[in-house]
Protein backbone atom coordinates (compact mmCIF):
# COMPACT_ATOMS: atom_id res chain seq x y z
CA UNK A 1 106.02 97.58 104.74
CA UNK A 2 106.05 94.68 102.34
CA UNK A 3 103.35 95.42 99.79
CA UNK A 4 102.31 91.95 98.74
CA UNK A 5 98.76 91.30 97.61
CA UNK A 6 96.87 88.97 99.91
CA UNK A 7 93.31 87.72 100.24
CA UNK A 8 90.98 90.15 101.94
CA UNK A 9 90.54 87.94 104.98
CA UNK A 10 94.20 86.93 105.32
CA UNK A 11 94.44 88.69 108.65
CA UNK A 12 91.85 88.51 111.43
CA UNK A 13 92.37 92.20 112.00
CA UNK A 14 91.86 93.15 108.37
CA UNK A 15 88.63 94.86 107.46
CA UNK A 16 86.31 92.39 105.85
CA UNK A 17 85.09 92.33 102.27
CA UNK A 18 87.65 94.83 101.04
CA UNK A 19 88.42 92.89 97.88
CA UNK A 20 84.84 92.02 97.02
CA UNK A 21 83.78 93.38 93.64
CA UNK A 22 81.46 96.34 93.57
CA UNK A 23 78.11 94.93 92.56
CA UNK A 24 76.04 98.08 92.41
CA UNK A 25 75.54 100.61 89.64
CA UNK A 26 78.08 103.43 89.25
CA UNK A 27 78.23 105.22 92.54
CA UNK A 28 77.81 108.82 93.53
CA UNK A 29 80.62 110.02 95.82
CA UNK A 30 79.56 110.63 99.39
CA UNK A 31 79.83 114.18 100.59
CA UNK A 32 81.07 114.61 104.13
CA UNK A 33 79.07 117.40 105.75
CA UNK A 34 80.74 120.05 107.85
CA UNK A 35 78.27 120.64 110.61
CA UNK A 36 76.58 124.06 110.65
CA UNK A 37 78.08 124.89 107.28
CA UNK A 38 74.64 125.78 105.93
CA UNK A 39 72.01 127.98 107.55
CA UNK A 40 68.49 126.98 108.47
CA UNK A 41 66.85 123.94 110.03
CA UNK A 42 69.06 121.49 108.17
CA UNK A 43 72.25 122.99 109.58
CA UNK A 44 70.72 123.19 113.03
CA UNK A 45 69.77 119.54 112.92
CA UNK A 46 73.29 118.55 111.93
CA UNK A 47 74.92 120.77 114.50
CA UNK A 48 72.70 119.18 117.11
CA UNK A 49 73.76 115.70 115.98
CA UNK A 50 77.42 116.67 116.13
CA UNK A 51 77.03 118.17 119.58
CA UNK A 52 75.27 115.04 120.80
CA UNK A 53 78.18 112.98 119.55
CA UNK A 54 80.73 115.12 121.32
CA UNK A 55 79.05 116.20 124.51
CA UNK A 56 75.74 114.41 124.93
CA UNK A 57 74.48 111.98 127.48
CA UNK A 58 75.68 109.07 125.37
CA UNK A 59 79.09 109.40 126.97
CA UNK A 60 82.60 110.26 125.85
CA UNK A 61 83.09 107.22 123.57
CA UNK A 62 80.71 108.43 120.88
CA UNK A 63 81.46 110.07 117.55
CA UNK A 64 79.05 111.25 114.85
CA UNK A 65 79.54 111.56 111.09
CA UNK A 66 76.84 113.07 108.91
CA UNK A 67 76.78 112.16 105.22
CA UNK A 68 74.74 113.42 102.25
CA UNK A 69 73.03 110.72 100.16
CA UNK A 70 71.80 112.53 97.04
CA UNK A 71 70.40 109.36 95.45
CA UNK A 72 69.99 105.62 95.91
CA UNK A 73 73.39 104.93 94.36
CA UNK A 74 74.98 106.97 97.15
CA UNK A 75 73.14 104.83 99.73
CA UNK A 76 74.59 101.71 98.12
CA UNK A 77 78.00 103.33 98.12
CA UNK A 78 77.63 103.99 101.84
CA UNK A 79 77.06 100.24 102.25
CA UNK A 80 80.33 99.60 100.41
CA UNK A 81 82.18 102.02 102.68
CA UNK A 82 80.76 100.37 105.79
CA UNK A 83 81.68 96.90 104.47
CA UNK A 84 85.33 97.96 104.31
CA UNK A 85 85.57 98.26 108.09
CA UNK A 86 83.23 95.52 109.34
CA UNK A 87 84.29 92.60 111.52
CA UNK A 88 82.46 89.48 112.67
CA UNK A 89 80.49 90.25 115.83
CA UNK A 90 79.79 93.86 114.85
CA UNK A 91 76.35 95.38 115.32
CA UNK A 92 74.82 98.05 113.07
CA UNK A 93 71.44 99.54 113.87
CA UNK A 94 69.29 101.10 111.15
CA UNK A 95 66.72 103.72 112.09
CA UNK A 96 64.61 106.26 110.22
CA UNK A 97 61.27 107.01 108.72
CA UNK A 98 59.52 104.72 106.28
CA UNK A 99 61.06 105.14 102.86
CA UNK A 100 64.26 106.68 104.23
CA UNK A 101 66.41 103.88 102.78
CA UNK A 102 66.91 101.38 105.61
CA UNK A 103 66.03 98.39 103.45
CA UNK A 104 68.14 99.70 100.57
CA UNK A 105 71.18 100.06 102.81
CA UNK A 106 70.68 96.68 104.50
CA UNK A 107 70.16 94.86 101.18
CA UNK A 108 73.25 96.51 99.65
CA UNK A 109 75.35 95.47 102.64
CA UNK A 110 74.10 91.89 102.47
CA UNK A 111 74.82 91.64 98.76
CA UNK A 112 78.35 92.97 99.19
CA UNK A 113 79.12 90.64 102.11
CA UNK A 114 77.59 87.67 100.28
CA UNK A 115 79.43 88.61 97.07
CA UNK A 116 76.11 88.10 95.31
CA UNK A 117 74.60 91.08 93.43
CA UNK A 118 71.36 89.11 92.89
CA UNK A 119 70.80 88.15 96.53
CA UNK A 120 67.11 88.68 97.24
CA UNK A 121 67.62 89.63 100.92
CA UNK A 122 63.93 89.90 101.86
CA UNK A 123 62.91 92.03 104.80
CA UNK A 124 62.70 89.89 107.99
CA UNK A 125 59.48 91.62 109.07
CA UNK A 126 57.74 88.30 109.74
CA UNK A 127 60.70 86.03 110.47
CA UNK A 128 62.17 88.69 112.81
CA UNK A 129 65.70 87.44 112.15
CA UNK A 130 67.09 86.25 108.81
CA UNK A 131 70.51 84.57 108.98
CA UNK A 132 73.06 84.27 106.15
CA UNK A 133 76.29 82.34 105.65
CA UNK A 134 78.60 84.51 103.58
CA UNK A 135 82.30 84.63 102.61
CA UNK A 136 82.57 87.33 105.26
CA UNK A 137 81.08 85.02 107.90
CA UNK A 138 77.74 84.80 109.64
CA UNK A 139 75.38 87.73 109.08
CA UNK A 140 72.06 88.25 110.85
CA UNK A 141 69.43 90.73 109.63
CA UNK A 142 66.83 91.55 112.28
CA UNK A 143 63.61 93.54 112.03
CA UNK A 144 62.28 94.07 115.55
CA UNK A 145 59.14 96.03 114.63
CA UNK A 146 56.78 93.27 115.80
CA UNK A 147 58.67 92.72 119.07
CA UNK A 148 56.74 93.58 122.21
CA UNK A 149 59.87 94.12 124.26
CA UNK A 150 63.50 93.19 124.85
CA UNK A 151 62.51 90.03 126.75
CA UNK A 152 61.32 88.47 123.49
CA UNK A 153 64.88 88.56 122.19
CA UNK A 154 66.00 86.09 124.82
CA UNK A 155 63.58 83.50 123.46
CA UNK A 156 64.92 84.10 119.97
CA UNK A 157 68.47 83.27 121.10
CA UNK A 158 69.62 86.85 120.54
CA UNK A 159 72.85 86.63 122.56
CA UNK A 160 73.95 83.43 120.82
CA UNK A 161 73.13 84.79 117.36
CA UNK A 162 74.87 88.13 117.83
CA UNK A 163 77.96 86.81 119.60
CA UNK A 164 79.82 85.93 116.38
CA UNK A 165 77.62 87.25 113.59
CA UNK A 166 77.55 90.68 112.03
CA UNK A 167 74.09 91.88 113.04
CA UNK A 168 71.99 94.45 111.16
CA UNK A 169 69.13 95.68 113.35
CA UNK A 170 66.08 97.57 112.12
CA UNK A 171 63.80 99.15 114.75
CA UNK A 172 66.59 98.91 117.36
CA UNK A 173 64.58 100.82 119.97
CA UNK A 174 62.67 97.57 120.58
CA UNK A 175 65.86 95.87 121.79
CA UNK A 176 66.50 98.20 124.71
CA UNK A 177 69.54 97.17 126.74
CA UNK A 178 70.08 94.11 124.55
CA UNK A 179 71.94 96.28 122.04
CA UNK A 180 75.70 96.06 122.14
CA UNK A 181 77.43 99.04 123.80
CA UNK A 182 79.96 98.80 120.96
CA UNK A 183 77.88 99.47 117.89
CA UNK A 184 77.29 101.72 114.90
CA UNK A 185 73.94 103.52 114.75
CA UNK A 186 72.80 104.67 111.31
CA UNK A 187 69.92 107.15 111.23
CA UNK A 188 68.50 107.72 107.74
CA UNK A 189 66.33 110.78 107.11
CA UNK A 190 64.69 112.38 104.13
CA UNK A 191 66.39 115.65 103.22
CA UNK A 192 63.70 118.30 102.67
CA UNK A 193 66.33 120.87 101.68
CA UNK A 194 67.81 118.62 99.00
CA UNK A 195 66.66 117.38 95.63
CA UNK A 196 63.86 114.85 95.32
CA UNK A 197 64.94 111.48 96.68
CA UNK A 198 67.92 112.83 98.60
CA UNK A 199 68.59 111.68 102.13
CA UNK A 200 70.93 112.25 105.02
CA UNK A 201 72.68 109.54 107.03
CA UNK A 202 73.82 110.28 110.57
CA UNK A 203 76.35 107.66 111.66
CA UNK A 204 77.09 107.42 115.39
CA UNK A 205 79.82 105.17 116.71
CA UNK A 206 79.51 103.95 120.29
CA UNK A 207 82.28 102.44 122.38
CA UNK A 208 84.90 100.70 120.25
CA UNK A 209 83.05 101.82 117.13
CA UNK A 210 83.82 105.47 117.90
CA UNK A 211 87.48 105.16 116.95
CA UNK A 212 86.70 103.00 113.92
CA UNK A 213 84.13 105.49 112.65
CA UNK A 214 86.56 108.37 113.16
CA UNK A 215 89.19 106.49 111.14
CA UNK A 216 86.68 105.61 108.42
CA UNK A 217 85.68 109.27 108.19
CA UNK A 218 89.32 110.36 107.96
CA UNK A 219 90.09 107.81 105.24
CA UNK A 220 87.07 108.74 103.15
CA UNK A 221 87.84 112.44 103.50
CA UNK A 222 91.40 111.86 102.26
CA UNK A 223 90.06 109.80 99.34
CA UNK A 224 87.53 112.45 98.41
CA UNK A 225 90.01 115.32 98.51
CA UNK A 226 92.56 113.36 96.45
CA UNK A 227 89.99 112.14 93.93
CA UNK A 228 90.19 108.47 94.91
CA UNK A 229 86.70 108.08 96.40
CA UNK A 230 85.56 105.64 93.65
CA UNK A 231 88.55 103.31 94.05
CA UNK A 232 88.27 99.68 95.11
CA UNK A 233 90.33 98.68 98.14
CA UNK A 234 92.48 95.53 98.34
CA UNK A 235 94.20 94.46 101.53
CA UNK A 236 97.99 94.22 101.33
CA UNK A 237 100.00 91.88 103.47
CA UNK A 238 102.14 94.03 105.74
CA UNK A 239 105.08 93.37 108.00
CA UNK A 240 105.56 92.87 111.74
CA UNK A 241 104.48 96.41 112.57
CA UNK A 242 101.13 97.84 113.69
CA UNK A 243 100.65 99.69 110.39
CA UNK A 244 98.20 98.47 107.77
CA UNK A 245 98.26 98.90 104.00
CA UNK A 246 95.76 98.63 101.18
CA UNK A 247 96.05 98.99 97.44
CA UNK A 248 93.46 101.27 95.84
CA UNK A 249 92.38 100.54 92.28
CA UNK A 250 90.53 103.14 90.25
CA UNK A 251 88.05 102.07 87.55
CA UNK A 252 90.71 103.00 84.96
CA UNK A 253 93.23 100.64 86.59
CA UNK A 254 95.38 103.32 88.22
CA UNK A 255 96.59 102.33 91.68
CA UNK A 256 97.74 103.95 94.92
CA UNK A 257 98.50 102.71 98.43
CA UNK A 258 96.62 103.57 101.59
CA UNK A 259 98.78 103.56 104.71
CA UNK A 260 97.00 103.67 108.06
CA UNK A 261 99.31 104.32 110.98
CA UNK A 262 97.53 106.09 113.83
CA UNK A 263 99.67 107.55 116.57
CA UNK A 264 100.52 104.79 119.00
CA UNK A 265 100.14 105.30 122.74
CA UNK A 266 103.36 105.18 124.71
CA UNK A 267 104.15 101.85 126.26
CA UNK A 268 105.15 101.50 129.89
CA UNK A 269 108.25 103.38 131.01
CA UNK A 270 111.21 101.06 131.15
CA UNK A 271 114.21 103.33 131.66
CA UNK A 272 114.42 106.75 133.23
CA UNK A 273 110.69 107.18 132.79
CA UNK A 274 110.77 106.65 129.01
CA UNK A 275 109.08 103.89 126.95
CA UNK A 276 110.97 101.66 124.53
CA UNK A 277 109.73 103.53 121.46
CA UNK A 278 111.10 106.85 122.71
CA UNK A 279 114.47 105.37 123.65
CA UNK A 280 114.85 103.50 120.34
CA UNK A 281 113.62 106.58 118.40
CA UNK A 282 110.76 104.80 116.65
CA UNK A 283 108.36 107.03 114.73
CA UNK A 284 105.19 107.71 116.70
CA UNK A 285 103.21 109.34 113.88
CA UNK A 286 103.16 109.60 110.09
CA UNK A 287 104.92 112.96 110.23
CA UNK A 288 108.28 111.21 109.96
CA UNK A 289 107.21 109.23 106.90
CA UNK A 290 106.06 112.37 105.10
CA UNK A 291 109.24 114.26 105.95
CA UNK A 292 111.64 111.47 104.94
CA UNK A 293 109.66 110.63 101.77
CA UNK A 294 109.85 114.21 100.58
CA UNK A 295 113.49 114.43 101.61
CA UNK A 296 114.39 111.34 99.59
CA UNK A 297 112.45 112.59 96.59
CA UNK A 298 114.37 115.87 96.76
CA UNK A 299 117.49 113.74 96.17
CA UNK A 300 115.84 112.13 93.10
CA UNK A 301 115.37 108.87 95.02
CA UNK A 302 112.20 106.95 94.20
CA UNK A 303 110.27 107.22 97.45
CA UNK A 304 106.44 107.30 97.20
CA UNK A 305 104.86 110.65 96.46
CA UNK A 306 102.28 111.75 99.04
CA UNK A 307 98.92 111.99 97.25
CA UNK A 308 96.72 112.71 100.27
CA UNK A 309 97.06 112.84 104.01
CA UNK A 310 95.49 113.36 107.41
CA UNK A 311 98.46 113.72 109.69
CA UNK A 312 96.46 113.78 112.90
CA UNK A 313 94.56 110.59 112.05
CA UNK A 314 97.64 108.83 110.68
CA UNK A 315 96.20 108.33 107.18
CA UNK A 316 98.37 108.63 104.09
CA UNK A 317 97.53 108.01 100.44
CA UNK A 318 100.81 107.41 98.63
CA UNK A 319 102.12 106.55 95.21
CA UNK A 320 102.07 102.83 94.39
CA UNK A 321 105.57 101.73 93.40
CA UNK A 322 104.36 98.26 92.44
CA UNK A 323 105.38 94.85 93.73
CA UNK A 324 108.45 93.93 91.67
CA UNK A 325 111.28 93.42 94.14
CA UNK A 326 115.03 92.93 94.19
CA UNK A 327 114.91 89.18 94.92
CA UNK A 328 113.48 86.15 93.14
CA UNK A 329 113.04 82.47 93.99
CA UNK A 330 116.84 82.07 93.91
CA UNK A 331 117.53 84.89 96.34
CA UNK A 332 119.10 88.31 95.72
CA UNK A 333 119.23 89.54 92.12
CA UNK A 334 122.86 90.77 92.04
CA UNK A 335 122.35 93.59 89.53
CA UNK A 336 119.46 95.05 91.51
CA UNK A 337 121.32 94.74 94.80
CA UNK A 338 124.24 96.56 93.22
CA UNK A 339 121.95 99.42 92.16
CA UNK A 340 120.62 99.57 95.72
CA UNK A 341 124.19 99.76 97.05
CA UNK A 342 125.10 102.52 94.60
CA UNK A 343 122.02 104.48 95.66
CA UNK A 344 123.28 104.44 99.25
CA UNK A 345 126.75 105.50 98.14
CA UNK A 346 125.33 108.51 96.35
CA UNK A 347 123.22 109.50 99.35
CA UNK A 348 126.15 109.07 101.74
CA UNK A 349 128.42 111.26 99.65
CA UNK A 350 126.46 114.48 100.32
CA UNK A 351 125.70 116.54 103.39
CA UNK A 352 122.10 116.01 104.42
CA UNK A 353 119.94 118.21 106.68
CA UNK A 354 118.95 117.05 110.16
CA UNK A 355 115.55 118.78 110.04
CA UNK A 356 112.96 118.29 107.31
CA UNK A 357 109.62 120.04 106.74
CA UNK A 358 106.36 118.14 107.16
CA UNK A 359 103.80 120.88 106.52
CA UNK A 360 103.54 124.61 107.02
CA UNK A 361 105.05 125.39 110.40
CA UNK A 362 105.72 121.72 111.24
CA UNK A 363 109.19 120.18 111.00
CA UNK A 364 110.58 116.72 111.70
CA UNK A 365 113.92 116.52 113.48
CA UNK A 366 115.71 113.30 112.60
CA UNK A 367 116.86 111.77 115.90
CA UNK A 368 120.37 110.40 116.45
CA UNK A 369 121.10 106.68 116.52
CA UNK A 370 122.74 107.19 119.86
CA UNK A 371 124.19 104.84 122.47
CA UNK A 372 120.92 104.59 124.36
CA UNK A 373 118.99 103.53 121.25
CA UNK A 374 121.60 101.04 120.09
CA UNK A 375 121.93 99.60 123.58
CA UNK A 376 118.23 99.08 124.24
CA UNK A 377 117.97 97.22 120.94
CA UNK A 378 120.68 94.69 121.81
CA UNK A 379 119.09 94.26 125.24
CA UNK A 380 116.21 92.52 123.46
CA UNK A 381 118.51 89.51 123.29
CA UNK A 382 118.62 89.36 127.11
CA UNK A 383 114.92 90.08 127.49
CA UNK A 384 113.58 87.57 124.95
CA UNK A 385 116.13 85.30 123.31
CA UNK A 386 118.07 84.30 126.38
CA UNK A 387 115.01 83.32 128.48
CA UNK A 388 113.78 81.17 125.59
CA UNK A 389 117.08 79.33 125.05
CA UNK A 390 118.83 79.22 128.44
CA UNK A 391 117.27 79.29 131.86
CA UNK A 392 119.28 82.00 133.55
CA UNK A 393 122.44 84.05 133.26
CA UNK A 394 124.71 85.02 136.13
CA UNK A 395 123.88 88.40 137.65
CA UNK A 396 127.13 89.82 136.36
CA UNK A 397 126.39 88.84 132.76
CA UNK A 398 124.07 91.76 132.03
CA UNK A 399 126.49 94.45 133.16
CA UNK A 400 129.29 92.74 131.21
CA UNK A 401 127.04 92.66 128.15
CA UNK A 402 126.36 96.38 128.46
CA UNK A 403 130.02 97.21 128.98
CA UNK A 404 131.14 95.19 125.97
CA UNK A 405 128.68 96.89 123.68
CA UNK A 406 129.53 100.35 124.93
CA UNK A 407 133.19 99.67 124.13
CA UNK A 408 132.53 98.56 120.55
CA UNK A 409 129.79 101.07 119.72
CA UNK A 410 131.55 104.20 120.96
CA UNK A 411 133.87 104.55 117.89
CA UNK A 412 130.93 103.94 115.54
CA UNK A 413 128.83 106.68 117.13
CA UNK A 414 131.79 109.05 116.89
CA UNK A 415 132.14 108.32 113.16
CA UNK A 416 130.42 109.96 110.17
CA UNK A 417 126.66 110.45 110.34
CA UNK A 418 124.02 110.37 107.61
CA UNK A 419 120.38 109.47 107.10
CA UNK A 420 120.06 105.88 108.25
CA UNK A 421 116.82 104.51 106.87
CA UNK A 422 117.11 101.56 109.25
CA UNK A 423 114.96 99.11 107.28
CA UNK A 424 116.83 99.23 103.99
CA UNK A 425 116.54 95.59 102.92
CA UNK A 426 114.77 93.44 100.36
CA UNK A 427 111.16 93.64 101.66
CA UNK A 428 111.31 97.42 101.41
CA UNK A 429 113.03 97.81 98.05
CA UNK A 430 111.14 97.70 94.76
CA UNK A 431 112.36 97.49 91.19
CA UNK A 432 111.02 100.11 88.79
CA UNK A 433 112.26 99.07 85.33
CA UNK A 434 110.43 101.91 83.58
CA UNK A 435 112.65 104.48 85.33
CA UNK A 436 116.25 105.35 84.66
CA UNK A 437 119.47 104.81 86.63
CA UNK A 438 119.28 104.71 90.40
CA UNK A 439 115.64 105.77 90.27
CA UNK A 440 114.89 102.18 89.36
CA UNK A 441 115.21 101.39 93.07
CA UNK A 442 111.99 102.23 94.91
CA UNK A 443 112.34 102.79 98.65
CA UNK A 444 109.57 102.34 101.20
CA UNK A 445 109.26 101.93 105.00
CA UNK A 446 111.70 104.56 106.22
CA UNK A 447 109.70 106.35 108.93
CA UNK A 448 112.10 105.16 111.66
CA UNK A 449 115.07 106.88 109.98
CA UNK A 450 117.75 108.21 112.28
CA UNK A 451 121.13 109.90 111.99
CA UNK A 452 123.63 107.10 112.08
CA UNK A 453 126.75 105.63 110.54
CA UNK A 454 126.63 105.09 106.73
CA UNK A 455 127.56 101.45 107.25
CA UNK A 456 124.23 100.57 108.85
CA UNK A 457 122.02 100.60 105.76
CA UNK A 458 124.68 98.92 103.64
CA UNK A 459 124.91 96.17 106.25
CA UNK A 460 121.09 95.95 106.54
CA UNK A 461 120.90 95.22 102.82
CA UNK A 462 123.86 92.86 102.51
CA UNK A 463 123.02 90.91 105.66
CA UNK A 464 119.34 90.64 104.79
CA UNK A 465 117.41 89.06 107.66
CA UNK A 466 114.90 87.34 105.36
CA UNK A 467 117.08 86.42 102.38
CA UNK A 468 120.48 84.76 102.46
CA UNK A 469 123.17 86.89 100.85
CA UNK A 470 126.13 84.59 100.05
CA UNK A 471 129.46 85.83 101.46
CA UNK A 472 130.95 86.14 97.97
CA UNK A 473 128.10 88.41 96.83
CA UNK A 474 128.33 90.42 100.03
CA UNK A 475 132.02 91.05 99.38
CA UNK A 476 131.35 91.94 95.73
CA UNK A 477 128.73 94.50 96.74
CA UNK A 478 130.95 95.99 99.42
CA UNK A 479 133.57 96.54 96.73
CA UNK A 480 130.92 98.24 94.58
CA UNK A 481 130.02 100.55 97.45
CA UNK A 482 133.70 101.37 98.14
CA UNK A 483 134.29 102.05 94.45
CA UNK A 484 131.34 104.45 94.36
CA UNK A 485 132.75 106.30 97.39
CA UNK A 486 136.35 106.32 96.09
CA UNK A 487 136.30 110.00 95.15
CA UNK A 488 135.14 110.99 98.65
CA UNK A 489 138.23 112.14 100.55
CA UNK A 490 136.53 111.51 103.90
CA UNK A 491 135.74 107.87 103.15
CA UNK A 492 138.02 105.35 104.91
CA UNK A 493 137.34 101.74 103.96
CA UNK A 494 139.04 100.24 107.04
CA UNK A 495 136.94 102.35 109.41
CA UNK A 496 133.85 101.59 107.36
CA UNK A 497 134.54 97.84 107.51
CA UNK A 498 134.90 97.96 111.30
CA UNK A 499 131.65 99.90 111.69
CA UNK A 500 129.95 97.51 109.26
CA UNK A 501 130.92 94.51 111.39
CA UNK A 502 129.97 96.18 114.69
CA UNK A 503 126.59 97.32 113.40
CA UNK A 504 126.02 93.94 111.76
CA UNK A 505 126.56 92.22 115.09
CA UNK A 506 124.36 94.79 116.81
CA UNK A 507 121.53 94.23 114.35
CA UNK A 508 121.85 90.44 114.45
CA UNK A 509 121.76 90.54 118.24
CA UNK A 510 118.68 92.77 118.15
CA UNK A 511 116.93 90.53 115.62
CA UNK A 512 117.48 87.40 117.69
CA UNK A 513 115.52 89.16 120.42
CA UNK A 514 112.87 90.66 118.13
CA UNK A 515 112.10 87.45 116.24
CA UNK A 516 111.84 85.50 119.50
CA UNK A 517 109.52 88.20 120.86
CA UNK A 518 107.36 87.97 117.74
CA UNK A 519 107.00 84.27 118.44
CA UNK A 520 106.51 84.28 122.22
CA UNK A 521 104.53 87.50 122.70
CA UNK A 522 102.81 88.10 119.36
CA UNK A 523 102.12 84.55 118.20
CA UNK A 524 104.14 84.86 114.97
CA UNK A 525 106.37 81.77 114.90
CA UNK A 526 107.19 82.20 111.20
CA UNK A 527 109.98 84.59 112.13
CA UNK A 528 111.88 81.81 113.91
CA UNK A 529 112.77 80.37 110.50
CA UNK A 530 115.17 83.29 110.04
CA UNK A 531 117.19 82.63 113.22
CA UNK A 532 119.79 80.31 111.64
CA UNK A 533 120.54 82.96 109.00
CA UNK A 534 120.81 85.67 111.67
CA UNK A 535 123.24 83.51 113.66
CA UNK A 536 125.43 83.02 110.59
CA UNK A 537 125.59 86.77 110.04
CA UNK A 538 126.41 87.26 113.71
CA UNK A 539 129.27 84.78 113.59
CA UNK A 540 130.64 86.40 110.45
CA UNK A 541 130.67 89.81 112.16
CA UNK A 542 132.11 88.59 115.46
CA UNK A 543 135.24 87.50 113.59
CA UNK A 544 136.24 91.17 113.18
CA UNK A 545 138.79 92.34 115.79
CA UNK A 546 136.65 95.40 116.60
CA UNK A 547 134.15 93.06 118.24
CA UNK A 548 136.52 91.21 120.55
CA UNK A 549 134.71 92.21 123.81
CA UNK A 550 131.30 91.18 122.47
CA UNK A 551 132.66 87.95 121.00
CA UNK A 552 134.14 87.05 124.39
CA UNK A 553 130.75 87.62 126.04
CA UNK A 554 129.01 85.33 123.57
CA UNK A 555 131.67 82.67 124.01
CA UNK A 556 131.22 82.86 127.77
CA UNK A 557 127.44 82.89 128.06
CA UNK A 558 125.88 81.86 124.72
CA UNK A 559 128.33 79.32 123.38
CA UNK A 560 125.61 77.67 121.25
CA UNK A 561 125.28 80.92 119.29
CA UNK A 562 128.98 81.34 118.51
CA UNK A 563 129.25 77.66 117.66
CA UNK A 564 126.34 78.03 115.26
CA UNK A 565 124.06 75.56 117.01
């Protein structure tokens, strides 16, 4: 979770137009309607819409969200909300009575996507289709009222136009089967039970849009409950994970961070019927983040406060700890690294619980960093790095690899245990100069925390995968950690040093596999630039006598690694 500001369209998967300025008048917050919350025809109509979304003939991949639009400003705000989740190739249909606000919504969307508050955006009643080139990409606005049937769309080049463009469609019933099965339908209706000029929008997501609409609804509900519904959203460049982050900016300049991390489906079983994520004890929901964040804050450690949440949807609104880090253009800032080391020493000096509360009646049990988890991580070397650098290994090599690691990891697992945040390194540490003492270190990205040896997080910081930590600085910081633990009768520096080397070699071995996988499977070759640094760390660790069996394996089968090639 590296919270670095980036252009809105930096990622093809990022929602478009998130960083475009709001060009409308001050907005009225949208009110999410709980179906059947009010009596009478209005409630019945909404209950019917909800039931159609859940159980109707439209199929199982449909979801409906009904929204109050008390005035025209709220309609424009709805356009802003929709713009935050749009992608090229999307289709939005606009239906409703004359005067219900279709043109207002379409024009607001076009102006936001074009980043032009003065865009005329005339109705395409006579042209049928009006096309725009915008910073977002191609946008097509269609009014099919004068169409005699779906066949006319073929002559207009409908399929070619809609293949890559965002398409807004008025009078969609004229298109018949030419509409995309993955689309968002927006039905605008006058609200007879509301004030003059008020309307209701019924949004229905079909196909792939169902999940996106559900997530949009969850995000907006969290914003509204937390009082952040008027904030502007700015995409943040994340890390190699599937999570996404945005910075929210209120009109008064106050900021927060939106974290979207929906529960991930299990991958294929790879060992004893379990997927990789379960074996490696990777967090499968935001419950772990909430629990660990609150646990760290209870220790007066600067983890983000939880400002709003939807645990089921995987949506968290958290405190923004800023973007000032612990490194600069020259590498690690020694004084800040030392504070980060001292923070770990303080945390490691106390007994910590193994179970933490998430919400009423829901607890998070911190899993152990056990042999199975440590072993499957180093196996990534065999699965990804080895095939990319050598053609084959002898059949016996894999079992020897496993045996060597079992031998060196067994004493580490039997050693002291504490919260191991697992990603405690420069991208996830922030500097908070306005705070005092160790609270100047802000900690993020800890949802994969496990119960492991205290040496792991110290090693993760001092053998930073993305920033070179010179050996002299590493040794200086190890001394600082040992000095901070000097009064702890249970702390043994020799045992700690052995565990540090073993876990450093384990992590370096894992990262060689992960970074190669990011290149070969995920198309992210930028991580290969870190491999020389990882190899240097590995060689440094293999020099420790505790790693003799693993060093022998490397010398036998991956000589280019131990030679530093």
